[in-house]
PDB file of N, CA and C in Angstrom:
ATOM      1  N   MET A   1      50.883   7.937 -30.302  1.00  0.00           N
ATOM      2  CA  MET A   1      49.746   8.679 -29.764  1.00  0.00           C
ATOM      3  C   MET A   1      49.495   9.891 -30.663  1.00  0.00           C
ATOM      4  N   SER A   2      48.242  10.141 -30.953  1.00  0.00           N
ATOM      5  CA  SER A   2      47.933  11.222 -31.889  1.00  0.00           C
ATOM      6  C   SER A   2      47.743  12.539 -31.155  1.00  0.00           C
ATOM      7  N   ASP A   3      47.775  13.621 -31.941  1.00  0.00           N
ATOM      8  CA  ASP A   3      47.651  14.954 -31.368  1.00  0.00           C
ATOM      9  C   ASP A   3      46.296  15.592 -31.642  1.00  0.00           C
ATOM     10  N   ASP A   4      45.301  14.813 -32.087  1.00  0.00           N
ATOM     11  CA  ASP A   4      44.030  15.399 -32.497  1.00  0.00           C
ATOM     12  C   ASP A   4      42.999  15.457 -31.373  1.00  0.00           C
ATOM     13  N   ASN A   5      43.402  15.332 -30.139  1.00  0.00           N
ATOM     14  CA  ASN A   5      42.477  15.427 -29.021  1.00  0.00           C
ATOM     15  C   ASN A   5      42.291  16.880 -28.613  1.00  0.00           C
ATOM     16  N   PRO A   6      41.089  17.209 -28.182  1.00  0.00           N
ATOM     17  CA  PRO A   6      40.785  18.601 -27.834  1.00  0.00           C
ATOM     18  C   PRO A   6      41.489  19.051 -26.553  1.00  0.00           C
ATOM     19  N   ILE A   7      41.664  20.348 -26.458  1.00  0.00           N
ATOM     20  CA  ILE A   7      42.166  20.948 -25.225  1.00  0.00           C
ATOM     21  C   ILE A   7      40.939  21.406 -24.450  1.00  0.00           C
ATOM     22  N   LYS A   8      40.875  21.011 -23.184  1.00  0.00           N
ATOM     23  CA  LYS A   8      39.693  21.262 -22.352  1.00  0.00           C
ATOM     24  C   LYS A   8      40.104  22.059 -21.121  1.00  0.00           C
ATOM     25  N   LYS A   9      39.214  22.945 -20.686  1.00  0.00           N
ATOM     26  CA  LYS A   9      39.454  23.695 -19.460  1.00  0.00           C
ATOM     27  C   LYS A   9      39.754  22.718 -18.336  1.00  0.00           C
ATOM     28  N   PHE A  10      40.782  23.011 -17.563  1.00  0.00           N
ATOM     29  CA  PHE A  10      41.282  22.073 -16.556  1.00  0.00           C
ATOM     30  C   PHE A  10      40.606  22.273 -15.211  1.00  0.00           C
ATOM     31  N   LEU A  11      39.623  21.447 -14.924  1.00  0.00           N
ATOM     32  CA  LEU A  11      39.003  21.338 -13.598  1.00  0.00           C
ATOM     33  C   LEU A  11      38.650  22.678 -12.954  1.00  0.00           C
ATOM     34  N   GLY A  12      38.037  23.555 -13.731  1.00  0.00           N
ATOM     35  CA  GLY A  12      37.539  24.796 -13.166  1.00  0.00           C
ATOM     36  C   GLY A  12      38.586  25.854 -12.873  1.00  0.00           C
ATOM     37  N   THR A  13      39.817  25.647 -13.305  1.00  0.00           N
ATOM     38  CA  THR A  13      40.836  26.669 -13.085  1.00  0.00           C
ATOM     39  C   THR A  13      40.723  27.724 -14.175  1.00  0.00           C
ATOM     40  N   GLY A  14      41.120  28.934 -13.865  1.00  0.00           N
ATOM     41  CA  GLY A  14      41.028  30.022 -14.828  1.00  0.00           C
ATOM     42  C   GLY A  14      42.052  29.961 -15.928  1.00  0.00           C
ATOM     43  N   ASN A  15      43.296  29.640 -15.607  1.00  0.00           N
ATOM     44  CA  ASN A  15      44.346  29.738 -16.625  1.00  0.00           C
ATOM     45  C   ASN A  15      44.872  28.409 -17.133  1.00  0.00           C
ATOM     46  N   TYR A  16      44.372  27.291 -16.642  1.00  0.00           N
ATOM     47  CA  TYR A  16      44.929  26.010 -17.069  1.00  0.00           C
ATOM     48  C   TYR A  16      43.991  25.262 -18.009  1.00  0.00           C
ATOM     49  N   LEU A  17      44.591  24.651 -19.028  1.00  0.00           N
ATOM     50  CA  LEU A  17      43.880  23.815 -19.992  1.00  0.00           C
ATOM     51  C   LEU A  17      44.612  22.484 -20.047  1.00  0.00           C
ATOM     52  N   ALA A  18      43.916  21.438 -20.452  1.00  0.00           N
ATOM     53  CA  ALA A  18      44.562  20.123 -20.516  1.00  0.00           C
ATOM     54  C   ALA A  18      44.161  19.407 -21.804  1.00  0.00           C
ATOM     55  N   ARG A  19      45.098  18.595 -22.288  1.00  0.00           N
ATOM     56  CA  ARG A  19      44.821  17.694 -23.409  1.00  0.00           C
ATOM     57  C   ARG A  19      45.262  16.311 -22.971  1.00  0.00           C
ATOM     58  N   LEU A  20      44.394  15.331 -23.174  1.00  0.00           N
ATOM     59  CA  LEU A  20      44.711  13.941 -22.882  1.00  0.00           C
ATOM     60  C   LEU A  20      44.817  13.209 -24.211  1.00  0.00           C
ATOM     61  N   THR A  21      45.864  12.441 -24.361  1.00  0.00           N
ATOM     62  CA  THR A  21      46.034  11.631 -25.559  1.00  0.00           C
ATOM     63  C   THR A  21      46.101  10.180 -25.115  1.00  0.00           C
ATOM     64  N   PHE A  22      45.239   9.361 -25.713  1.00  0.00           N
ATOM     65  CA  PHE A  22      45.121   7.961 -25.327  1.00  0.00           C
ATOM     66  C   PHE A  22      45.856   7.080 -26.320  1.00  0.00           C
ATOM     67  N   ALA A  23      46.299   5.916 -25.850  1.00  0.00           N
ATOM     68  CA  ALA A  23      46.993   4.960 -26.720  1.00  0.00           C
ATOM     69  C   ALA A  23      46.179   4.782 -28.002  1.00  0.00           C
ATOM     70  N   PRO A  24      46.829   4.560 -29.127  1.00  0.00           N
ATOM     71  CA  PRO A  24      46.140   4.504 -30.428  1.00  0.00           C
ATOM     72  C   PRO A  24      44.989   3.505 -30.454  1.00  0.00           C
ATOM     73  N   ASN A  25      43.988   3.863 -31.215  1.00  0.00           N
ATOM     74  CA  ASN A  25      42.829   3.008 -31.478  1.00  0.00           C
ATOM     75  C   ASN A  25      42.009   2.669 -30.232  1.00  0.00           C
ATOM     76  N   ARG A  26      42.106   3.460 -29.213  1.00  0.00           N
ATOM     77  CA  ARG A  26      41.373   3.194 -27.975  1.00  0.00           C
ATOM     78  C   ARG A  26      39.917   3.609 -28.162  1.00  0.00           C
ATOM     79  N   LYS A  27      39.006   2.667 -27.984  1.00  0.00           N
ATOM     80  CA  LYS A  27      37.574   2.956 -28.103  1.00  0.00           C
ATOM     81  C   LYS A  27      36.841   2.735 -26.783  1.00  0.00           C
ATOM     82  N   ASN A  28      37.416   1.901 -25.924  1.00  0.00           N
ATOM     83  CA  ASN A  28      36.794   1.590 -24.638  1.00  0.00           C
ATOM     84  C   ASN A  28      37.753   1.920 -23.508  1.00  0.00           C
ATOM     85  N   TYR A  29      37.171   2.266 -22.402  1.00  0.00           N
ATOM     86  CA  TYR A  29      37.946   2.559 -21.208  1.00  0.00           C
ATOM     87  C   TYR A  29      38.602   1.294 -20.667  1.00  0.00           C
ATOM     88  N   SER A  30      39.799   1.442 -20.132  1.00  0.00           N
ATOM     89  CA  SER A  30      40.472   0.380 -19.397  1.00  0.00           C
ATOM     90  C   SER A  30      41.273   1.038 -18.281  1.00  0.00           C
ATOM     91  N   SER A  31      41.292   0.427 -17.120  1.00  0.00           N
ATOM     92  CA  SER A  31      42.067   0.998 -16.010  1.00  0.00           C
ATOM     93  C   SER A  31      43.559   0.997 -16.326  1.00  0.00           C
ATOM     94  N   ALA A  32      43.964   0.174 -17.292  1.00  0.00           N
ATOM     95  CA  ALA A  32      45.381   0.087 -17.665  1.00  0.00           C
ATOM     96  C   ALA A  32      45.703   0.887 -18.929  1.00  0.00           C
ATOM     97  N   MET A  33      44.792   1.771 -19.345  1.00  0.00           N
ATOM     98  CA  MET A  33      45.063   2.528 -20.574  1.00  0.00           C
ATOM     99  C   MET A  33      46.217   3.504 -20.378  1.00  0.00           C
ATOM    100  N   LYS A  34      47.011   3.655 -21.431  1.00  0.00           N
ATOM    101  CA  LYS A  34      48.129   4.592 -21.410  1.00  0.00           C
ATOM    102  C   LYS A  34      47.601   5.969 -21.814  1.00  0.00           C
ATOM    103  N   VAL A  35      47.991   6.992 -21.041  1.00  0.00           N
ATOM    104  CA  VAL A  35      47.489   8.346 -21.277  1.00  0.00           C
ATOM    105  C   VAL A  35      48.650   9.327 -21.181  1.00  0.00           C
ATOM    106  N   ARG A  36      48.725  10.223 -22.157  1.00  0.00           N
ATOM    107  CA  ARG A  36      49.652  11.361 -22.058  1.00  0.00           C
ATOM    108  C   ARG A  36      48.810  12.569 -21.655  1.00  0.00           C
ATOM    109  N   ILE A  37      49.242  13.257 -20.607  1.00  0.00           N
ATOM    110  CA  ILE A  37      48.548  14.446 -20.121  1.00  0.00           C
ATOM    111  C   ILE A  37      49.434  15.647 -20.438  1.00  0.00           C
ATOM    112  N   GLU A  38      48.869  16.617 -21.132  1.00  0.00           N
ATOM    113  CA  GLU A  38      49.566  17.880 -21.357  1.00  0.00           C
ATOM    114  C   GLU A  38      48.743  18.961 -20.681  1.00  0.00           C
ATOM    115  N   ILE A  39      49.371  19.746 -19.834  1.00  0.00           N
ATOM    116  CA  ILE A  39      48.673  20.825 -19.148  1.00  0.00           C
ATOM    117  C   ILE A  39      49.315  22.137 -19.587  1.00  0.00           C
ATOM    118  N   PHE A  40      48.450  23.057 -19.994  1.00  0.00           N
ATOM    119  CA  PHE A  40      48.897  24.342 -20.514  1.00  0.00           C
ATOM    120  C   PHE A  40      48.491  25.458 -19.571  1.00  0.00           C
ATOM    121  N   GLU A  41      49.375  26.414 -19.395  1.00  0.00           N
ATOM    122  CA  GLU A  41      49.028  27.641 -18.688  1.00  0.00           C
ATOM    123  C   GLU A  41      48.877  28.694 -19.767  1.00  0.00           C
ATOM    124  N   GLY A  42      47.629  29.059 -20.035  1.00  0.00           N
ATOM    125  CA  GLY A  42      47.366  29.933 -21.178  1.00  0.00           C
ATOM    126  C   GLY A  42      47.744  29.196 -22.457  1.00  0.00           C
ATOM    127  N   ARG A  43      48.612  29.810 -23.276  1.00  0.00           N
ATOM    128  CA  ARG A  43      49.020  29.205 -24.544  1.00  0.00           C
ATOM    129  C   ARG A  43      50.293  28.363 -24.405  1.00  0.00           C
ATOM    130  N   ASN A  44      50.921  28.408 -23.256  1.00  0.00           N
ATOM    131  CA  ASN A  44      52.195  27.720 -23.076  1.00  0.00           C
ATOM    132  C   ASN A  44      52.025  26.397 -22.349  1.00  0.00           C
ATOM    133  N   GLU A  45      52.712  25.374 -22.858  1.00  0.00           N
ATOM    134  CA  GLU A  45      52.665  24.088 -22.170  1.00  0.00           C
ATOM    135  C   GLU A  45      53.428  24.203 -20.859  1.00  0.00           C
ATOM    136  N   ASP A  46      52.771  23.837 -19.779  1.00  0.00           N
ATOM    137  CA  ASP A  46      53.378  23.933 -18.452  1.00  0.00           C
ATOM    138  C   ASP A  46      54.061  22.622 -18.082  1.00  0.00           C
ATOM    139  N   ILE A  47      53.370  21.506 -18.346  1.00  0.00           N
ATOM    140  CA  ILE A  47      53.923  20.220 -17.931  1.00  0.00           C
ATOM    141  C   ILE A  47      53.294  19.105 -18.764  1.00  0.00           C
ATOM    142  N   GLU A  48      54.016  17.996 -18.862  1.00  0.00           N
ATOM    143  CA  GLU A  48      53.529  16.829 -19.598  1.00  0.00           C
ATOM    144  C   GLU A  48      53.846  15.577 -18.787  1.00  0.00           C
ATOM    145  N   PHE A  49      52.887  14.656 -18.723  1.00  0.00           N
ATOM    146  CA  PHE A  49      53.074  13.386 -18.019  1.00  0.00           C
ATOM    147  C   PHE A  49      52.702  12.245 -18.951  1.00  0.00           C
ATOM    148  N   ASP A  50      53.447  11.155 -18.907  1.00  0.00           N
ATOM    149  CA  ASP A  50      53.058   9.915 -19.575  1.00  0.00           C
ATOM    150  C   ASP A  50      52.682   8.932 -18.482  1.00  0.00           C
ATOM    151  N   CYS A  51      51.447   8.449 -18.528  1.00  0.00           N
ATOM    152  CA  CYS A  51      50.927   7.577 -17.478  1.00  0.00           C
ATOM    153  C   CYS A  51      50.618   6.193 -18.029  1.00  0.00           C
ATOM    154  N   GLU A  52      50.812   5.197 -17.189  1.00  0.00           N
ATOM    155  CA  GLU A  52      50.588   3.794 -17.573  1.00  0.00           C
ATOM    156  C   GLU A  52      49.249   3.253 -17.097  1.00  0.00           C
ATOM    157  N   SER A  53      48.526   4.025 -16.280  1.00  0.00           N
ATOM    158  CA  SER A  53      47.239   3.552 -15.755  1.00  0.00           C
ATOM    159  C   SER A  53      46.402   4.749 -15.304  1.00  0.00           C
ATOM    160  N   ILE A  54      45.132   4.486 -15.058  1.00  0.00           N
ATOM    161  CA  ILE A  54      44.222   5.527 -14.582  1.00  0.00           C
ATOM    162  C   ILE A  54      44.608   5.979 -13.172  1.00  0.00           C
ATOM    163  N   ALA A  55      45.107   5.068 -12.341  1.00  0.00           N
ATOM    164  CA  ALA A  55      45.560   5.447 -10.999  1.00  0.00           C
ATOM    165  C   ALA A  55      46.703   6.445 -11.098  1.00  0.00           C
ATOM    166  N   GLU A  56      47.610   6.249 -12.053  1.00  0.00           N
ATOM    167  CA  GLU A  56      48.730   7.177 -12.235  1.00  0.00           C
ATOM    168  C   GLU A  56      48.232   8.521 -12.772  1.00  0.00           C
ATOM    169  N   VAL A  57      47.254   8.492 -13.682  1.00  0.00           N
ATOM    170  CA  VAL A  57      46.651   9.731 -14.186  1.00  0.00           C
ATOM    171  C   VAL A  57      46.091  10.529 -13.010  1.00  0.00           C
ATOM    172  N   ALA A  58      45.310   9.873 -12.153  1.00  0.00           N
ATOM    173  CA  ALA A  58      44.691  10.543 -11.007  1.00  0.00           C
ATOM    174  C   ALA A  58      45.748  11.119 -10.069  1.00  0.00           C
ATOM    175  N   SER A  59      46.785  10.358  -9.801  1.00  0.00           N
ATOM    176  CA  SER A  59      47.843  10.804  -8.896  1.00  0.00           C
ATOM    177  C   SER A  59      48.572  12.031  -9.444  1.00  0.00           C
ATOM    178  N   LYS A  60      48.939  11.989 -10.720  1.00  0.00           N
ATOM    179  CA  LYS A  60      49.674  13.104 -11.333  1.00  0.00           C
ATOM    180  C   LYS A  60      48.817  14.366 -11.378  1.00  0.00           C
ATOM    181  N   ILE A  61      47.550  14.209 -11.781  1.00  0.00           N
ATOM    182  CA  ILE A  61      46.662  15.375 -11.847  1.00  0.00           C
ATOM    183  C   ILE A  61      46.415  15.931 -10.450  1.00  0.00           C
ATOM    184  N   HIS A  62      46.178  15.049  -9.480  1.00  0.00           N
ATOM    185  CA  HIS A  62      45.944  15.490  -8.098  1.00  0.00           C
ATOM    186  C   HIS A  62      47.136  16.300  -7.586  1.00  0.00           C
ATOM    187  N   ASP A  63      48.347  15.780  -7.767  1.00  0.00           N
ATOM    188  CA  ASP A  63      49.551  16.469  -7.285  1.00  0.00           C
ATOM    189  C   ASP A  63      49.735  17.820  -7.976  1.00  0.00           C
ATOM    190  N   PHE A  64      49.529  17.850  -9.296  1.00  0.00           N
ATOM    191  CA  PHE A  64      49.664  19.097 -10.044  1.00  0.00           C
ATOM    192  C   PHE A  64      48.650  20.128  -9.553  1.00  0.00           C
ATOM    193  N   TYR A  65      47.402  19.703  -9.411  1.00  0.00           N
ATOM    194  CA  TYR A  65      46.328  20.602  -8.985  1.00  0.00           C
ATOM    195  C   TYR A  65      46.626  21.182  -7.606  1.00  0.00           C
ATOM    196  N   GLN A  66      47.055  20.317  -6.696  1.00  0.00           N
ATOM    197  CA  GLN A  66      47.338  20.779  -5.340  1.00  0.00           C
ATOM    198  C   GLN A  66      48.514  21.761  -5.330  1.00  0.00           C
ATOM    199  N   GLU A  67      49.539  21.460  -6.117  1.00  0.00           N
ATOM    200  CA  GLU A  67      50.702  22.346  -6.180  1.00  0.00           C
ATOM    201  C   GLU A  67      50.336  23.717  -6.753  1.00  0.00           C
ATOM    202  N   LYS A  68      49.527  23.743  -7.802  1.00  0.00           N
ATOM    203  CA  LYS A  68      49.205  24.997  -8.490  1.00  0.00           C
ATOM    204  C   LYS A  68      48.128  25.810  -7.802  1.00  0.00           C
ATOM    205  N   THR A  69      47.150  25.140  -7.174  1.00  0.00           N
ATOM    206  CA  THR A  69      46.029  25.884  -6.583  1.00  0.00           C
ATOM    207  C   THR A  69      46.101  25.951  -5.065  1.00  0.00           C
ATOM    208  N   GLY A  70      46.889  25.056  -4.458  1.00  0.00           N
ATOM    209  CA  GLY A  70      46.949  25.003  -3.003  1.00  0.00           C
ATOM    210  C   GLY A  70      45.733  24.331  -2.381  1.00  0.00           C
ATOM    211  N   MET A  71      44.896  23.719  -3.218  1.00  0.00           N
ATOM    212  CA  MET A  71      43.682  23.069  -2.715  1.00  0.00           C
ATOM    213  C   MET A  71      43.705  21.583  -3.050  1.00  0.00           C
ATOM    214  N   GLU A  72      42.989  20.803  -2.233  1.00  0.00           N
ATOM    215  CA  GLU A  72      42.812  19.375  -2.515  1.00  0.00           C
ATOM    216  C   GLU A  72      41.873  19.228  -3.704  1.00  0.00           C
ATOM    217  N   LEU A  73      42.116  18.228  -4.515  1.00  0.00           N
ATOM    218  CA  LEU A  73      41.224  17.918  -5.626  1.00  0.00           C
ATOM    219  C   LEU A  73      40.378  16.712  -5.233  1.00  0.00           C
ATOM    220  N   GLU A  74      39.076  16.905  -5.185  1.00  0.00           N
ATOM    221  CA  GLU A  74      38.155  15.824  -4.823  1.00  0.00           C
ATOM    222  C   GLU A  74      38.120  14.800  -5.953  1.00  0.00           C
ATOM    223  N   VAL A  75      38.266  13.531  -5.618  1.00  0.00           N
ATOM    224  CA  VAL A  75      38.342  12.471  -6.627  1.00  0.00           C
ATOM    225  C   VAL A  75      37.066  12.407  -7.469  1.00  0.00           C
ATOM    226  N   ARG A  76      35.924  12.673  -6.878  1.00  0.00           N
ATOM    227  CA  ARG A  76      34.668  12.654  -7.639  1.00  0.00           C
ATOM    228  C   ARG A  76      34.669  13.759  -8.708  1.00  0.00           C
ATOM    229  N   ARG A  77      35.203  14.901  -8.385  1.00  0.00           N
ATOM    230  CA  ARG A  77      35.282  16.003  -9.349  1.00  0.00           C
ATOM    231  C   ARG A  77      36.215  15.638 -10.505  1.00  0.00           C
ATOM    232  N   LEU A  78      37.360  15.046 -10.171  1.00  0.00           N
ATOM    233  CA  LEU A  78      38.294  14.595 -11.202  1.00  0.00           C
ATOM    234  C   LEU A  78      37.643  13.528 -12.076  1.00  0.00           C
ATOM    235  N   ALA A  79      36.937  12.586 -11.466  1.00  0.00           N
ATOM    236  CA  ALA A  79      36.282  11.518 -12.219  1.00  0.00           C
ATOM    237  C   ALA A  79      35.234  12.085 -13.172  1.00  0.00           C
ATOM    238  N   ARG A  80      34.457  13.038 -12.725  1.00  0.00           N
ATOM    239  CA  ARG A  80      33.430  13.653 -13.572  1.00  0.00           C
ATOM    240  C   ARG A  80      34.085  14.342 -14.782  1.00  0.00           C
ATOM    241  N   TRP A  81      35.174  15.085 -14.525  1.00  0.00           N
ATOM    242  CA  TRP A  81      35.911  15.767 -15.599  1.00  0.00           C
ATOM    243  C   TRP A  81      36.481  14.747 -16.586  1.00  0.00           C
ATOM    244  N   PHE A  82      37.034  13.661 -16.064  1.00  0.00           N
ATOM    245  CA  PHE A  82      37.640  12.629 -16.903  1.00  0.00           C
ATOM    246  C   PHE A  82      36.580  11.937 -17.768  1.00  0.00           C
ATOM    247  N   ILE A  83      35.424  11.637 -17.193  1.00  0.00           N
ATOM    248  CA  ILE A  83      34.329  11.021 -17.958  1.00  0.00           C
ATOM    249  C   ILE A  83      33.890  11.941 -19.093  1.00  0.00           C
ATOM    250  N   GLU A  84      33.757  13.240 -18.816  1.00  0.00           N
ATOM    251  CA  GLU A  84      33.404  14.198 -19.865  1.00  0.00           C
ATOM    252  C   GLU A  84      34.446  14.176 -20.977  1.00  0.00           C
ATOM    253  N   TYR A  85      35.713  14.113 -20.590  1.00  0.00           N
ATOM    254  CA  TYR A  85      36.776  14.101 -21.597  1.00  0.00           C
ATOM    255  C   TYR A  85      36.676  12.836 -22.450  1.00  0.00           C
ATOM    256  N   LEU A  86      36.479  11.681 -21.822  1.00  0.00           N
ATOM    257  CA  LEU A  86      36.331  10.433 -22.570  1.00  0.00           C
ATOM    258  C   LEU A  86      35.177  10.544 -23.568  1.00  0.00           C
ATOM    259  N   GLU A  87      34.052  11.085 -23.121  1.00  0.00           N
ATOM    260  CA  GLU A  87      32.897  11.244 -24.008  1.00  0.00           C
ATOM    261  C   GLU A  87      33.225  12.171 -25.169  1.00  0.00           C
ATOM    262  N   ASP A  88      33.957  13.255 -24.894  1.00  0.00           N
ATOM    263  CA  ASP A  88      34.337  14.218 -25.938  1.00  0.00           C
ATOM    264  C   ASP A  88      35.186  13.585 -27.031  1.00  0.00           C
ATOM    265  N   VAL A  89      36.000  12.591 -26.669  1.00  0.00           N
ATOM    266  CA  VAL A  89      36.887  11.965 -27.668  1.00  0.00           C
ATOM    267  C   VAL A  89      36.346  10.628 -28.173  1.00  0.00           C
ATOM    268  N   GLY A  90      35.108  10.278 -27.803  1.00  0.00           N
ATOM    269  CA  GLY A  90      34.477   9.088 -28.342  1.00  0.00           C
ATOM    270  C   GLY A  90      34.882   7.778 -27.695  1.00  0.00           C
ATOM    271  N   ILE A  91      35.399   7.841 -26.476  1.00  0.00           N
ATOM    272  CA  ILE A  91      35.726   6.618 -25.739  1.00  0.00           C
ATOM    273  C   ILE A  91      34.580   6.343 -24.767  1.00  0.00           C
ATOM    274  N   ILE A  92      34.104   5.123 -24.766  1.00  0.00           N
ATOM    275  CA  ILE A  92      32.993   4.759 -23.881  1.00  0.00           C
ATOM    276  C   ILE A  92      33.503   4.791 -22.436  1.00  0.00           C
ATOM    277  N   PRO A  93      32.951   5.682 -21.612  1.00  0.00           N
ATOM    278  CA  PRO A  93      33.451   5.809 -20.240  1.00  0.00           C
ATOM    279  C   PRO A  93      32.917   4.718 -19.325  1.00  0.00           C
ATOM    280  N   PRO A  94      33.612   4.498 -18.216  1.00  0.00           N
ATOM    281  CA  PRO A  94      33.113   3.547 -17.215  1.00  0.00           C
ATOM    282  C   PRO A  94      32.039   4.212 -16.367  1.00  0.00           C
ATOM    283  N   GLU A  95      31.418   3.438 -15.528  1.00  0.00           N
ATOM    284  CA  GLU A  95      30.489   3.955 -14.524  1.00  0.00           C
ATOM    285  C   GLU A  95      31.310   4.745 -13.490  1.00  0.00           C
ATOM    286  N   MET A  96      30.744   5.813 -12.968  1.00  0.00           N
ATOM    287  CA  MET A  96      31.457   6.731 -12.065  1.00  0.00           C
ATOM    288  C   MET A  96      32.136   6.008 -10.902  1.00  0.00           C
ATOM    289  N   ASN A  97      31.429   5.108 -10.210  1.00  0.00           N
ATOM    290  CA  ASN A  97      32.025   4.445  -9.044  1.00  0.00           C
ATOM    291  C   ASN A  97      33.185   3.536  -9.433  1.00  0.00           C
ATOM    292  N   SER A  98      33.102   2.907 -10.606  1.00  0.00           N
ATOM    293  CA  SER A  98      34.222   2.078 -11.084  1.00  0.00           C
ATOM    294  C   SER A  98      35.446   2.939 -11.358  1.00  0.00           C
ATOM    295  N   LEU A  99      35.214   4.094 -11.975  1.00  0.00           N
ATOM    296  CA  LEU A  99      36.329   5.002 -12.266  1.00  0.00           C
ATOM    297  C   LEU A  99      36.968   5.496 -10.971  1.00  0.00           C
ATOM    298  N   ILE A 100      36.170   5.864 -10.015  1.00  0.00           N
ATOM    299  CA  ILE A 100      36.710   6.337  -8.731  1.00  0.00           C
ATOM    300  C   ILE A 100      37.520   5.221  -8.069  1.00  0.00           C
ATOM    301  N   ARG A 101      36.997   4.013  -8.099  1.00  0.00           N
ATOM    302  CA  ARG A 101      37.749   2.875  -7.525  1.00  0.00           C
ATOM    303  C   ARG A 101      39.095   2.718  -8.228  1.00  0.00           C
ATOM    304  N   ASP A 102      39.102   2.822  -9.560  1.00  0.00           N
ATOM    305  CA  ASP A 102      40.352   2.716 -10.316  1.00  0.00           C
ATOM    306  C   ASP A 102      41.311   3.850  -9.970  1.00  0.00           C
ATOM    307  N   MET A 103      40.781   5.061  -9.836  1.00  0.00           N
ATOM    308  CA  MET A 103      41.626   6.226  -9.538  1.00  0.00           C
ATOM    309  C   MET A 103      42.269   6.128  -8.163  1.00  0.00           C
ATOM    310  N   GLU A 104      41.597   5.468  -7.239  1.00  0.00           N
ATOM    311  CA  GLU A 104      42.099   5.358  -5.868  1.00  0.00           C
ATOM    312  C   GLU A 104      42.919   4.098  -5.630  1.00  0.00           C
ATOM    313  N   SER A 105      43.093   3.278  -6.650  1.00  0.00           N
ATOM    314  CA  SER A 105      43.797   1.998  -6.507  1.00  0.00           C
ATOM    315  C   SER A 105      45.295   2.148  -6.726  1.00  0.00           C
ATOM    316  N   THR A 106      46.027   1.180  -6.209  1.00  0.00           N
ATOM    317  CA  THR A 106      47.461   1.114  -6.499  1.00  0.00           C
ATOM    318  C   THR A 106      47.632   0.427  -7.855  1.00  0.00           C
ATOM    319  N   PRO A 107      48.780   0.592  -8.503  1.00  0.00           N
ATOM    320  CA  PRO A 107      49.014  -0.115  -9.769  1.00  0.00           C
ATOM    321  C   PRO A 107      48.853  -1.634  -9.622  1.00  0.00           C
ATOM    322  N   GLN A 108      49.247  -2.197  -8.487  1.00  0.00           N
ATOM    323  CA  GLN A 108      49.124  -3.631  -8.267  1.00  0.00           C
ATOM    324  C   GLN A 108      47.659  -4.051  -8.184  1.00  0.00           C
ATOM    325  N   GLU A 109      46.834  -3.242  -7.505  1.00  0.00           N
ATOM    326  CA  GLU A 109      45.401  -3.544  -7.417  1.00  0.00           C
ATOM    327  C   GLU A 109      44.752  -3.482  -8.798  1.00  0.00           C
ATOM    328  N   LEU A 110      45.137  -2.495  -9.601  1.00  0.00           N
ATOM    329  CA  LEU A 110      44.595  -2.385 -10.959  1.00  0.00           C
ATOM    330  C   LEU A 110      44.975  -3.598 -11.793  1.00  0.00           C
ATOM    331  N   GLU A 111      46.231  -3.987 -11.687  1.00  0.00           N
ATOM    332  CA  GLU A 111      46.711  -5.130 -12.459  1.00  0.00           C
ATOM    333  C   GLU A 111      45.951  -6.404 -12.079  1.00  0.00           C
ATOM    334  N   ALA A 112      45.710  -6.588 -10.803  1.00  0.00           N
ATOM    335  CA  ALA A 112      44.983  -7.762 -10.340  1.00  0.00           C
ATOM    336  C   ALA A 112      43.550  -7.757 -10.865  1.00  0.00           C
ATOM    337  N   ARG A 113      42.886  -6.606 -10.818  1.00  0.00           N
ATOM    338  CA  ARG A 113      41.505  -6.507 -11.318  1.00  0.00           C
ATOM    339  C   ARG A 113      41.452  -6.639 -12.829  1.00  0.00           C
ATOM    340  N   GLU A 114      42.394  -6.037 -13.533  1.00  0.00           N
ATOM    341  CA  GLU A 114      42.415  -6.084 -14.992  1.00  0.00           C
ATOM    342  C   GLU A 114      42.514  -7.530 -15.469  1.00  0.00           C
ATOM    343  N   GLY A 115      43.246  -8.348 -14.746  1.00  0.00           N
ATOM    344  CA  GLY A 115      43.408  -9.759 -15.115  1.00  0.00           C
ATOM    345  C   GLY A 115      42.159 -10.589 -14.878  1.00  0.00           C
ATOM    346  N   THR A 116      41.253 -10.106 -14.041  1.00  0.00           N
ATOM    347  CA  THR A 116      40.069 -10.902 -13.710  1.00  0.00           C
ATOM    348  C   THR A 116      38.815 -10.410 -14.417  1.00  0.00           C
ATOM    349  N   GLU A 117      38.866  -9.265 -15.067  1.00  0.00           N
ATOM    350  CA  GLU A 117      37.657  -8.724 -15.724  1.00  0.00           C
ATOM    351  C   GLU A 117      37.517  -9.216 -17.125  1.00  0.00           C
TER     352      GLU A 117
END
């Protein structure tokens, strides 16, 4: 995974920034894409996650956001932020409702859909 992805303000928080790194040569979205999430508090890396699917990305970000801000993270807001990030790095994003469905799915549901698409 490369390190040339931009650091983006993290979901409207004041002090958090995030960088997502996608599996090499990724040009199109897939619900099974591997993603490394790095979240920084100011200039310091706060936490890093390696995710095997978009559902895992959503779960990890949701839990982190809730722990740090004490607020629920609306899935539509996360999806909008994620689509912007995909566009910023040149990956063709999915349609919003498809992304939300993927974010709310279990790994087994994603695997079943990935095999049929």
